[in-house]
């Protein structure tokens, strides 16, 4: 999928579930539970043991899922993930080498930044979207609103503090999409043998995005 199509899919879905798990099998099970809820985007973090294997398996068996690599801290890791099927790369921080590598492969890159200076630096360096992280530490949706005032041209994905209770607020604040962690990617529910909890959460998040978009039309 070309980069422009990847970014369009991210915007239309409105969600980027941040997958963290203790093993390859648990990560794949979480991915299936999320996809069952209609969410076709997934960020597999490099903190997952065997994260590369997870990406490779999903790329081969679930081509319908848009796979991203998360917690990518350097260009070498970015390249490795891209070669295994990652179609976008996300980082909790700004690494210029990672942006350059993603540009080399025409892959969407979403570096992390927090302050206005960091966000502008990331944008000027070529970020397709800036991941505002941790958004909750700076006041959540109100902080995003404050950032979008002087920086309306910068696309931002808030991550940290996004929940079913706050999702609509972040969208109203101007979020390109929502980076969602444990509130959706519920490892505890999976451990208890309740994948339907994750699937139901995915459906609820999509409903919030759909309702928000409908109001804007």
Protein backbone atom coordinates (compact mmCIF):
# COMPACT_ATOMS: atom_id res chain seq x y z
CA UNK A 1 0.00 0.00 0.00
CA UNK A 2 1.36 3.42 -0.95
CA UNK A 3 2.06 5.91 1.83
CA UNK A 4 -0.77 8.23 0.86
CA UNK A 5 -3.20 5.30 1.11
CA UNK A 6 -1.78 4.30 4.50
CA UNK A 7 -2.29 7.80 5.88
CA UNK A 8 -5.81 7.90 4.45
CA UNK A 9 -6.61 4.60 6.14
CA UNK A 10 -5.23 5.83 9.46
CA UNK A 11 -7.39 8.94 9.29
CA UNK A 12 -10.52 7.09 8.22
CA UNK A 13 -10.18 4.44 10.92
CA UNK A 14 -9.37 7.10 13.48
CA UNK A 15 -7.67 4.62 15.79
CA UNK A 16 -4.19 3.21 16.25
CA UNK A 17 -4.33 0.44 18.88
CA UNK A 18 -0.95 0.18 20.61
CA UNK A 19 -0.30 -3.53 21.07
CA UNK A 20 1.78 -4.64 24.02
CA UNK A 21 1.90 -8.29 25.06
CA UNK A 22 4.12 -10.80 26.83
CA UNK A 23 4.57 -13.19 23.92
CA UNK A 24 4.05 -13.71 20.21
CA UNK A 25 0.97 -15.88 20.75
CA UNK A 26 -0.64 -13.37 23.12
CA UNK A 27 0.09 -10.54 20.71
CA UNK A 28 -1.48 -12.41 17.80
CA UNK A 29 -4.54 -13.25 19.89
CA UNK A 30 -4.95 -9.59 20.81
CA UNK A 31 -4.60 -8.61 17.16
CA UNK A 32 -7.37 -11.03 16.18
CA UNK A 33 -9.67 -9.75 18.95
CA UNK A 34 -9.14 -6.13 17.85
CA UNK A 35 -9.68 -6.98 14.17
CA UNK A 36 -12.88 -8.82 15.07
CA UNK A 37 -14.20 -5.49 16.32
CA UNK A 38 -13.66 -3.93 12.90
CA UNK A 39 -10.39 -2.10 13.59
CA UNK A 40 -8.01 -2.83 10.71
CA UNK A 41 -5.05 -0.82 12.04
CA UNK A 42 -2.53 -2.08 14.59
CA UNK A 43 0.74 -0.82 16.05
CA UNK A 44 2.95 -3.68 17.19
CA UNK A 45 5.43 -2.28 19.68
CA UNK A 46 9.03 -3.40 19.80
CA UNK A 47 8.58 -4.08 23.52
CA UNK A 48 6.69 -7.26 22.57
CA UNK A 49 9.05 -10.26 22.75
CA UNK A 50 9.27 -11.48 19.18
CA UNK A 51 7.68 -8.30 17.78
CA UNK A 52 9.28 -8.90 14.38
CA UNK A 53 7.72 -12.35 14.22
CA UNK A 54 4.33 -10.86 15.09
CA UNK A 55 4.62 -8.37 12.23
CA UNK A 56 5.81 -11.03 9.81
CA UNK A 57 2.96 -13.39 10.72
CA UNK A 58 0.30 -10.70 10.47
CA UNK A 59 1.68 -9.47 7.15
CA UNK A 60 1.44 -12.99 5.75
CA UNK A 61 -1.83 -14.17 7.29
CA UNK A 62 -3.81 -10.96 7.76
CA UNK A 63 -3.08 -8.66 4.80
CA UNK A 64 -6.33 -6.86 5.63
CA UNK A 65 -4.70 -5.40 8.76
CA UNK A 66 -2.59 -2.25 8.36
CA UNK A 67 0.48 -3.08 10.42
CA UNK A 68 2.63 -0.47 12.08
CA UNK A 69 5.82 -0.83 14.09
CA UNK A 70 5.80 0.97 17.43
CA UNK A 71 8.40 2.02 20.01
CA UNK A 72 10.96 2.27 17.21
CA UNK A 73 13.96 4.15 18.57
CA UNK A 74 16.43 4.10 15.70
CA UNK A 75 16.81 3.84 11.94
CA UNK A 76 18.15 0.28 12.02
CA UNK A 77 15.07 -1.00 13.83
CA UNK A 78 12.81 0.95 11.48
CA UNK A 79 14.41 -0.70 8.43
CA UNK A 80 14.10 -4.16 9.96
CA UNK A 81 10.39 -3.62 10.66
CA UNK A 82 9.73 -2.20 7.19
CA UNK A 83 11.34 -5.24 5.56
CA UNK A 84 9.05 -7.49 7.61
CA UNK A 85 5.87 -5.76 6.52
CA UNK A 86 5.38 -2.66 8.67
CA UNK A 87 3.56 0.02 6.67
CA UNK A 88 4.00 2.81 9.16
CA UNK A 89 6.54 3.48 11.91
CA UNK A 90 5.81 5.04 15.29
CA UNK A 91 8.20 6.24 17.99
CA UNK A 92 7.72 7.62 21.50
CA UNK A 93 10.43 10.20 20.77
CA UNK A 94 12.05 12.10 17.93
CA UNK A 95 14.90 10.43 16.09
CA UNK A 96 15.87 12.15 12.85
CA UNK A 97 17.58 9.07 11.48
CA UNK A 98 14.35 7.10 11.78
CA UNK A 99 12.48 9.75 9.78
CA UNK A 100 15.18 9.68 7.10
CA UNK A 101 15.02 5.88 6.87
CA UNK A 102 11.24 5.89 6.51
CA UNK A 103 11.50 8.49 3.75
CA UNK A 104 14.01 6.27 1.98
CA UNK A 105 11.39 3.50 1.84
CA UNK A 106 8.40 5.84 1.35
CA UNK A 107 6.90 4.62 4.62
CA UNK A 108 4.67 6.78 6.81
CA UNK A 109 6.48 7.93 9.94
CA UNK A 110 4.89 9.11 13.19
CA UNK A 111 7.60 10.27 15.61
CA UNK A 112 6.79 11.18 19.18
CA UNK A 113 7.06 14.71 20.53
CA UNK A 114 5.52 16.64 23.41
CA UNK A 115 6.46 20.32 23.55
CA UNK A 116 5.65 22.82 20.77
CA UNK A 117 9.35 23.02 19.90
CA UNK A 118 9.67 19.24 19.61
CA UNK A 119 6.48 19.00 17.55
CA UNK A 120 7.58 21.67 15.08
CA UNK A 121 11.04 20.09 14.85
CA UNK A 122 9.48 16.71 14.03
CA UNK A 123 7.14 18.27 11.45
CA UNK A 124 9.94 20.21 9.75
CA UNK A 125 12.07 17.05 9.67
CA UNK A 126 9.39 15.33 7.61
CA UNK A 127 7.02 13.62 10.04
CA UNK A 128 3.78 12.62 8.32
CA UNK A 129 1.95 12.82 11.64
CA UNK A 130 3.34 13.72 15.06
CA UNK A 131 2.54 11.44 17.98
CA UNK A 132 1.85 13.69 20.98
CA UNK A 133 3.03 11.57 23.89
CA UNK A 134 2.29 11.35 26.76
CA UNK A 135 -0.75 13.54 26.14
CA UNK A 136 -2.32 12.83 29.53
CA UNK A 137 0.68 14.24 31.38
CA UNK A 138 0.08 17.66 29.79
CA UNK A 139 -3.66 17.93 30.34
CA UNK A 140 -5.10 15.59 27.74
CA UNK A 141 -7.47 16.98 25.11
CA UNK A 142 -7.09 20.55 26.41
CA UNK A 143 -3.38 20.38 25.62
CA UNK A 144 -4.08 19.18 22.09
CA UNK A 145 -6.52 22.05 21.60
CA UNK A 146 -3.83 24.48 22.77
CA UNK A 147 -1.29 22.99 20.33
CA UNK A 148 -3.63 23.01 17.34
CA UNK A 149 -4.32 26.72 17.82
CA UNK A 150 -0.92 27.92 16.53
CA UNK A 151 -0.16 24.66 14.66
CA UNK A 152 -3.31 23.77 12.69
CA UNK A 153 -1.22 22.44 9.80
CA UNK A 154 0.47 19.79 11.93
CA UNK A 155 -1.33 16.45 12.02
CA UNK A 156 -1.23 14.96 15.53
CA UNK A 157 -2.09 11.63 17.11
CA UNK A 158 -2.50 11.95 20.88
CA UNK A 159 -1.39 8.89 22.82
CA UNK A 160 -1.55 8.39 26.58
CA UNK A 161 -4.79 9.00 28.41
CA UNK A 162 -7.04 8.14 25.48
CA UNK A 163 -10.05 6.13 26.65
CA UNK A 164 -13.69 5.60 25.74
CA UNK A 165 -14.45 8.47 28.11
CA UNK A 166 -11.99 10.90 26.50
CA UNK A 167 -11.94 9.79 22.84
CA UNK A 168 -14.58 12.27 21.66
CA UNK A 169 -12.78 15.13 23.42
CA UNK A 170 -9.51 14.32 21.66
CA UNK A 171 -11.25 14.12 18.29
CA UNK A 172 -12.95 17.47 18.91
CA UNK A 173 -9.55 18.92 19.80
CA UNK A 174 -8.31 18.14 16.30
CA UNK A 175 -6.72 14.70 16.55
CA UNK A 176 -5.78 13.09 13.23
CA UNK A 177 -6.46 9.74 14.91
CA UNK A 178 -6.25 8.30 18.42
CA UNK A 179 -3.40 6.24 19.82
CA UNK A 180 -5.14 3.84 22.19
CA UNK A 181 -3.37 1.64 24.71
CA UNK A 182 -4.61 -0.61 27.49
CA UNK A 183 -8.16 0.77 27.48
CA UNK A 184 -8.61 -1.13 24.20
CA UNK A 185 -5.65 -3.50 24.07
CA UNK A 186 -6.78 -5.23 27.25
CA UNK A 187 -4.24 -7.94 28.09
CA UNK A 188 -6.02 -8.69 31.38
CA UNK A 189 -9.26 -9.55 29.60
CA UNK A 190 -7.36 -11.81 27.21
CA UNK A 191 -5.62 -13.55 30.12
CA UNK A 192 -9.03 -14.23 31.64
CA UNK A 193 -10.19 -15.79 28.37
CA UNK A 194 -12.46 -12.90 27.43
CA UNK A 195 -11.42 -11.71 23.96
CA UNK A 196 -14.97 -10.45 23.47
CA UNK A 197 -14.16 -7.62 25.90
CA UNK A 198 -11.46 -6.36 23.53
CA UNK A 199 -13.67 -6.86 20.49
CA UNK A 200 -16.51 -4.95 22.14
CA UNK A 201 -14.17 -2.08 23.07
CA UNK A 202 -12.95 -1.88 19.47
CA UNK A 203 -16.54 -1.58 18.27
CA UNK A 204 -17.26 1.16 20.81
CA UNK A 205 -14.22 3.19 19.74
CA UNK A 206 -15.22 2.92 16.09
CA UNK A 207 -18.73 4.04 16.97
CA UNK A 208 -17.33 7.15 18.69
CA UNK A 209 -15.22 8.00 15.65
CA UNK A 210 -18.17 7.42 13.30
CA UNK A 211 -20.49 9.57 15.40
CA UNK A 212 -17.94 12.40 15.57
CA UNK A 213 -17.35 12.33 11.80
CA UNK A 214 -21.10 12.31 11.15
CA UNK A 215 -21.55 15.46 13.22
CA UNK A 216 -18.85 17.25 11.19
CA UNK A 217 -20.54 16.57 7.85
